[in-house]
Amino acid sequence: MATTKFSEFNIKEQKLAELCKALAHPARIAIIKFLIKKKECICSDVVKELPLSQSTVSQHLKELKNAGLIKGDIDGPRVCYCIDLEKWNEAKKIIDIFFSQKVIESNKSC
């Protein structure tokens, strides 16, 4: 099995990669947009909104939660999800810093 070189990159690069990976699926983007609009919801609310099964939605919610973009509070037999505002703002800052880097234009085509 191939070994990963992930740990050889600095913490900021690792975090940016984790955020981008979490956002790299259209279903996860749709889930985040839905959570922003609704403020909070349970998994079945997302299932009603998206053309995906409950198990698939649960997997996407898990990935977003692991990345720190959302949080889930247990409310009896169900979990209520919402944007983790503190982590969301940290993620926004990391992504903004990455995209605000000055790119030097060149006359050459590559």
N, C-alpha and C. Protein backbone atom coordinates (compact mmCIF):
# COMPACT_ATOMS: atom_id res chain seq x y z
N MET A 1 0.83 -1.18 0.00
CA MET A 1 0.00 0.00 0.00
C MET A 1 0.88 1.25 0.00
N ALA A 2 0.52 2.23 -0.80
CA ALA A 2 1.30 3.45 -0.90
C ALA A 2 1.17 4.26 0.39
N THR A 3 2.26 4.90 0.78
CA THR A 3 2.21 5.75 1.96
C THR A 3 1.90 7.17 1.53
N THR A 4 1.26 7.91 2.40
CA THR A 4 0.86 9.27 2.08
C THR A 4 1.93 10.26 2.51
N LYS A 5 2.03 11.34 1.79
CA LYS A 5 2.96 12.41 2.12
C LYS A 5 2.22 13.60 2.72
N PHE A 6 0.94 13.41 3.04
CA PHE A 6 0.09 14.47 3.55
C PHE A 6 0.73 15.19 4.74
N SER A 7 1.31 14.45 5.63
CA SER A 7 1.86 15.04 6.86
C SER A 7 3.12 15.87 6.60
N GLU A 8 3.67 15.78 5.41
CA GLU A 8 4.87 16.55 5.09
C GLU A 8 4.56 17.98 4.66
N PHE A 9 3.28 18.29 4.52
CA PHE A 9 2.87 19.65 4.17
C PHE A 9 2.50 20.40 5.44
N ASN A 10 2.61 21.75 5.38
CA ASN A 10 2.34 22.51 6.60
C ASN A 10 0.86 22.45 6.98
N ILE A 11 0.57 22.84 8.20
CA ILE A 11 -0.79 22.74 8.77
C ILE A 11 -1.80 23.53 7.93
N LYS A 12 -1.43 24.71 7.47
CA LYS A 12 -2.36 25.53 6.68
C LYS A 12 -2.70 24.84 5.36
N GLU A 13 -1.71 24.25 4.72
CA GLU A 13 -1.95 23.53 3.47
C GLU A 13 -2.83 22.30 3.71
N GLN A 14 -2.60 21.61 4.80
CA GLN A 14 -3.41 20.44 5.14
C GLN A 14 -4.86 20.83 5.39
N LYS A 15 -5.07 21.90 6.15
CA LYS A 15 -6.42 22.35 6.48
C LYS A 15 -7.17 22.80 5.23
N LEU A 16 -6.48 23.56 4.35
CA LEU A 16 -7.10 24.00 3.11
C LEU A 16 -7.51 22.79 2.26
N ALA A 17 -6.63 21.80 2.17
CA ALA A 17 -6.94 20.60 1.40
C ALA A 17 -8.14 19.86 1.99
N GLU A 18 -8.21 19.77 3.31
CA GLU A 18 -9.35 19.10 3.97
C GLU A 18 -10.65 19.84 3.70
N LEU A 19 -10.61 21.17 3.74
CA LEU A 19 -11.80 21.96 3.46
C LEU A 19 -12.24 21.78 2.01
N CYS A 20 -11.28 21.85 1.11
CA CYS A 20 -11.61 21.70 -0.32
C CYS A 20 -12.16 20.31 -0.60
N LYS A 21 -11.61 19.30 0.03
CA LYS A 21 -12.10 17.94 -0.15
C LYS A 21 -13.54 17.83 0.34
N ALA A 22 -13.83 18.45 1.49
CA ALA A 22 -15.19 18.41 2.03
C ALA A 22 -16.18 19.13 1.13
N LEU A 23 -15.71 20.14 0.42
CA LEU A 23 -16.59 20.92 -0.46
C LEU A 23 -16.60 20.40 -1.89
N ALA A 24 -15.86 19.33 -2.15
CA ALA A 24 -15.65 18.86 -3.52
C ALA A 24 -16.76 17.95 -4.04
N HIS A 25 -17.93 18.07 -3.52
CA HIS A 25 -19.06 17.27 -4.02
C HIS A 25 -20.29 18.19 -4.09
N PRO A 26 -21.00 18.18 -5.20
CA PRO A 26 -22.17 19.07 -5.31
C PRO A 26 -23.24 18.83 -4.25
N ALA A 27 -23.37 17.61 -3.78
CA ALA A 27 -24.36 17.33 -2.73
C ALA A 27 -23.99 18.07 -1.45
N ARG A 28 -22.71 18.14 -1.14
CA ARG A 28 -22.28 18.82 0.08
C ARG A 28 -22.49 20.33 -0.04
N ILE A 29 -22.24 20.85 -1.23
CA ILE A 29 -22.52 22.29 -1.47
C ILE A 29 -24.02 22.54 -1.27
N ALA A 30 -24.85 21.67 -1.83
CA ALA A 30 -26.30 21.82 -1.68
C ALA A 30 -26.73 21.71 -0.22
N ILE A 31 -26.12 20.81 0.52
CA ILE A 31 -26.45 20.66 1.95
C ILE A 31 -26.09 21.94 2.70
N ILE A 32 -24.92 22.49 2.42
CA ILE A 32 -24.50 23.72 3.10
C ILE A 32 -25.44 24.86 2.75
N LYS A 33 -25.79 25.00 1.47
CA LYS A 33 -26.73 26.05 1.07
C LYS A 33 -28.07 25.88 1.78
N PHE A 34 -28.53 24.64 1.90
CA PHE A 34 -29.78 24.36 2.58
C PHE A 34 -29.69 24.73 4.06
N LEU A 35 -28.58 24.39 4.70
CA LEU A 35 -28.40 24.73 6.12
C LEU A 35 -28.32 26.23 6.33
N ILE A 36 -27.67 26.93 5.41
CA ILE A 36 -27.60 28.39 5.52
C ILE A 36 -29.02 28.98 5.44
N LYS A 37 -29.81 28.46 4.51
CA LYS A 37 -31.17 28.96 4.33
C LYS A 37 -32.08 28.61 5.50
N LYS A 38 -31.98 27.37 6.00
CA LYS A 38 -32.89 26.90 7.05
C LYS A 38 -32.39 27.15 8.47
N LYS A 39 -31.13 27.50 8.62
CA LYS A 39 -30.48 27.72 9.93
C LYS A 39 -30.13 26.40 10.63
N GLU A 40 -31.08 25.47 10.68
CA GLU A 40 -30.84 24.16 11.28
C GLU A 40 -31.87 23.18 10.75
N CYS A 41 -31.51 21.91 10.75
CA CYS A 41 -32.45 20.89 10.29
C CYS A 41 -31.96 19.51 10.69
N ILE A 42 -32.80 18.54 10.52
CA ILE A 42 -32.41 17.15 10.76
C ILE A 42 -32.18 16.48 9.41
N CYS A 43 -31.57 15.31 9.44
CA CYS A 43 -31.20 14.60 8.22
C CYS A 43 -32.39 14.42 7.27
N SER A 44 -33.54 14.05 7.82
CA SER A 44 -34.70 13.80 6.95
C SER A 44 -35.14 15.05 6.20
N ASP A 45 -34.91 16.23 6.76
CA ASP A 45 -35.22 17.48 6.06
C ASP A 45 -34.34 17.61 4.81
N VAL A 46 -33.06 17.25 4.95
CA VAL A 46 -32.13 17.31 3.83
C VAL A 46 -32.52 16.27 2.78
N VAL A 47 -32.91 15.08 3.23
CA VAL A 47 -33.31 14.01 2.31
C VAL A 47 -34.50 14.46 1.47
N LYS A 48 -35.43 15.18 2.07
CA LYS A 48 -36.60 15.69 1.33
C LYS A 48 -36.18 16.72 0.28
N GLU A 49 -35.10 17.44 0.54
CA GLU A 49 -34.63 18.51 -0.34
C GLU A 49 -33.79 17.99 -1.51
N LEU A 50 -33.02 16.94 -1.28
CA LEU A 50 -32.07 16.45 -2.28
C LEU A 50 -32.51 15.12 -2.89
N PRO A 51 -32.06 14.84 -4.10
CA PRO A 51 -32.43 13.57 -4.74
C PRO A 51 -31.49 12.43 -4.32
N LEU A 52 -31.31 12.28 -3.02
CA LEU A 52 -30.38 11.28 -2.49
C LEU A 52 -31.06 10.48 -1.39
N SER A 53 -30.56 9.27 -1.19
CA SER A 53 -31.10 8.42 -0.12
C SER A 53 -30.65 8.95 1.24
N GLN A 54 -31.33 8.47 2.27
CA GLN A 54 -31.00 8.88 3.64
C GLN A 54 -29.57 8.50 4.00
N SER A 55 -29.15 7.30 3.60
CA SER A 55 -27.79 6.86 3.95
C SER A 55 -26.73 7.71 3.25
N THR A 56 -27.00 8.11 2.01
CA THR A 56 -26.05 8.95 1.28
C THR A 56 -25.97 10.34 1.91
N VAL A 57 -27.12 10.90 2.25
CA VAL A 57 -27.14 12.22 2.92
C VAL A 57 -26.39 12.14 4.24
N SER A 58 -26.59 11.06 4.99
CA SER A 58 -25.89 10.89 6.27
C SER A 58 -24.38 10.88 6.07
N GLN A 59 -23.91 10.21 5.03
CA GLN A 59 -22.47 10.17 4.74
C GLN A 59 -21.94 11.56 4.42
N HIS A 60 -22.69 12.31 3.63
CA HIS A 60 -22.26 13.68 3.29
C HIS A 60 -22.26 14.58 4.53
N LEU A 61 -23.26 14.44 5.37
CA LEU A 61 -23.30 15.21 6.62
C LEU A 61 -22.10 14.86 7.49
N LYS A 62 -21.76 13.59 7.53
CA LYS A 62 -20.60 13.14 8.32
C LYS A 62 -19.32 13.79 7.80
N GLU A 63 -19.14 13.83 6.49
CA GLU A 63 -17.94 14.45 5.91
C GLU A 63 -17.87 15.94 6.24
N LEU A 64 -18.99 16.62 6.14
CA LEU A 64 -19.02 18.05 6.45
C LEU A 64 -18.75 18.29 7.94
N LYS A 65 -19.27 17.41 8.76
CA LYS A 65 -19.04 17.52 10.20
C LYS A 65 -17.57 17.25 10.54
N ASN A 66 -16.99 16.23 9.93
CA ASN A 66 -15.58 15.91 10.16
C ASN A 66 -14.67 17.05 9.73
N ALA A 67 -15.06 17.77 8.69
CA ALA A 67 -14.28 18.91 8.22
C ALA A 67 -14.48 20.14 9.11
N GLY A 68 -15.48 20.08 9.98
CA GLY A 68 -15.72 21.18 10.91
C GLY A 68 -16.62 22.27 10.37
N LEU A 69 -17.22 22.05 9.21
CA LEU A 69 -18.07 23.09 8.63
C LEU A 69 -19.46 23.12 9.25
N ILE A 70 -19.92 21.97 9.72
CA ILE A 70 -21.22 21.90 10.38
C ILE A 70 -21.07 21.19 11.72
N LYS A 71 -22.09 21.33 12.53
CA LYS A 71 -22.12 20.59 13.79
C LYS A 71 -23.49 19.96 13.94
N GLY A 72 -23.54 18.94 14.75
CA GLY A 72 -24.80 18.25 14.97
C GLY A 72 -25.02 18.03 16.45
N ASP A 73 -26.15 18.47 16.93
CA ASP A 73 -26.52 18.29 18.33
C ASP A 73 -27.58 17.20 18.43
N ILE A 74 -27.36 16.26 19.33
CA ILE A 74 -28.30 15.16 19.51
C ILE A 74 -29.53 15.68 20.24
N ASP A 75 -30.68 15.43 19.62
CA ASP A 75 -31.97 15.84 20.19
C ASP A 75 -32.86 14.60 20.22
N GLY A 76 -32.74 13.86 21.29
CA GLY A 76 -33.48 12.60 21.38
C GLY A 76 -32.92 11.60 20.36
N PRO A 77 -33.80 11.00 19.54
CA PRO A 77 -33.34 10.00 18.59
C PRO A 77 -32.76 10.59 17.30
N ARG A 78 -32.71 11.90 17.17
CA ARG A 78 -32.22 12.50 15.94
C ARG A 78 -31.14 13.54 16.21
N VAL A 79 -30.47 13.92 15.14
CA VAL A 79 -29.40 14.91 15.24
C VAL A 79 -29.83 16.16 14.48
N CYS A 80 -29.73 17.30 15.13
CA CYS A 80 -30.06 18.58 14.52
C CYS A 80 -28.76 19.21 14.02
N TYR A 81 -28.67 19.47 12.71
CA TYR A 81 -27.46 20.02 12.10
C TYR A 81 -27.58 21.51 11.84
N CYS A 82 -26.44 22.19 11.94
CA CYS A 82 -26.37 23.60 11.60
C CYS A 82 -24.92 23.94 11.23
N ILE A 83 -24.75 25.12 10.65
CA ILE A 83 -23.41 25.59 10.34
C ILE A 83 -22.70 25.87 11.66
N ASP A 84 -21.45 25.42 11.77
CA ASP A 84 -20.62 25.75 12.93
C ASP A 84 -19.98 27.10 12.62
N LEU A 85 -20.58 28.16 13.12
CA LEU A 85 -20.19 29.52 12.73
C LEU A 85 -18.72 29.82 13.00
N GLU A 86 -18.20 29.38 14.14
CA GLU A 86 -16.80 29.63 14.45
C GLU A 86 -15.89 28.95 13.43
N LYS A 87 -16.14 27.67 13.17
CA LYS A 87 -15.33 26.92 12.20
C LYS A 87 -15.55 27.45 10.78
N TRP A 88 -16.79 27.86 10.48
CA TRP A 88 -17.12 28.41 9.17
C TRP A 88 -16.28 29.66 8.90
N ASN A 89 -16.19 30.54 9.90
CA ASN A 89 -15.40 31.77 9.74
C ASN A 89 -13.91 31.46 9.60
N GLU A 90 -13.43 30.45 10.33
CA GLU A 90 -12.03 30.04 10.17
C GLU A 90 -11.79 29.51 8.77
N ALA A 91 -12.72 28.70 8.26
CA ALA A 91 -12.59 28.15 6.91
C ALA A 91 -12.61 29.25 5.86
N LYS A 92 -13.49 30.21 6.05
CA LYS A 92 -13.58 31.34 5.12
C LYS A 92 -12.26 32.09 5.08
N LYS A 93 -11.67 32.31 6.24
CA LYS A 93 -10.39 33.01 6.31
C LYS A 93 -9.29 32.24 5.58
N ILE A 94 -9.23 30.92 5.81
CA ILE A 94 -8.21 30.08 5.17
C ILE A 94 -8.36 30.13 3.65
N ILE A 95 -9.60 30.03 3.18
CA ILE A 95 -9.85 30.05 1.73
C ILE A 95 -9.60 31.43 1.15
N ASP A 96 -10.01 32.48 1.87
CA ASP A 96 -9.76 33.85 1.42
C ASP A 96 -8.26 34.14 1.29
N ILE A 97 -7.48 33.70 2.25
CA ILE A 97 -6.03 33.91 2.21
C ILE A 97 -5.45 33.22 0.98
N PHE A 98 -5.89 31.99 0.73
CA PHE A 98 -5.37 31.25 -0.41
C PHE A 98 -5.70 31.96 -1.72
N PHE A 99 -6.95 32.40 -1.90
CA PHE A 99 -7.35 33.03 -3.15
C PHE A 99 -6.95 34.50 -3.26
N SER A 100 -6.48 35.10 -2.18
CA SER A 100 -6.05 36.50 -2.26
C SER A 100 -4.57 36.63 -2.59
N GLN A 101 -3.89 35.51 -2.79
CA GLN A 101 -2.48 35.57 -3.17
C GLN A 101 -2.35 36.26 -4.52
N LYS A 102 -1.35 37.11 -4.62
CA LYS A 102 -1.14 37.83 -5.86
C LYS A 102 -0.54 36.87 -6.88
N VAL A 103 -1.18 36.84 -8.04
CA VAL A 103 -0.69 36.01 -9.14
C VAL A 103 -0.09 36.96 -10.17
N ILE A 104 1.16 36.71 -10.49
CA ILE A 104 1.85 37.57 -11.46
C ILE A 104 1.46 37.12 -12.86
N GLU A 105 0.97 38.10 -13.64
CA GLU A 105 0.57 37.78 -15.01
C GLU A 105 1.80 37.67 -15.89
N SER A 106 1.70 36.84 -16.88
CA SER A 106 2.80 36.62 -17.82
C SER A 106 2.28 36.80 -19.23
N ASN A 107 3.13 37.29 -20.11
CA ASN A 107 2.76 37.44 -21.51
C ASN A 107 2.82 36.11 -22.25
N LYS A 108 3.46 35.15 -21.64
CA LYS A 108 3.59 33.82 -22.26
C LYS A 108 2.32 33.02 -22.03
N SER A 109 2.01 32.19 -23.01
CA SER A 109 0.91 31.26 -22.76
C SER A 109 1.52 29.96 -22.28
N CYS A 110 0.82 29.30 -21.41
CA CYS A 110 1.37 28.05 -20.87
C CYS A 110 0.47 26.90 -21.18
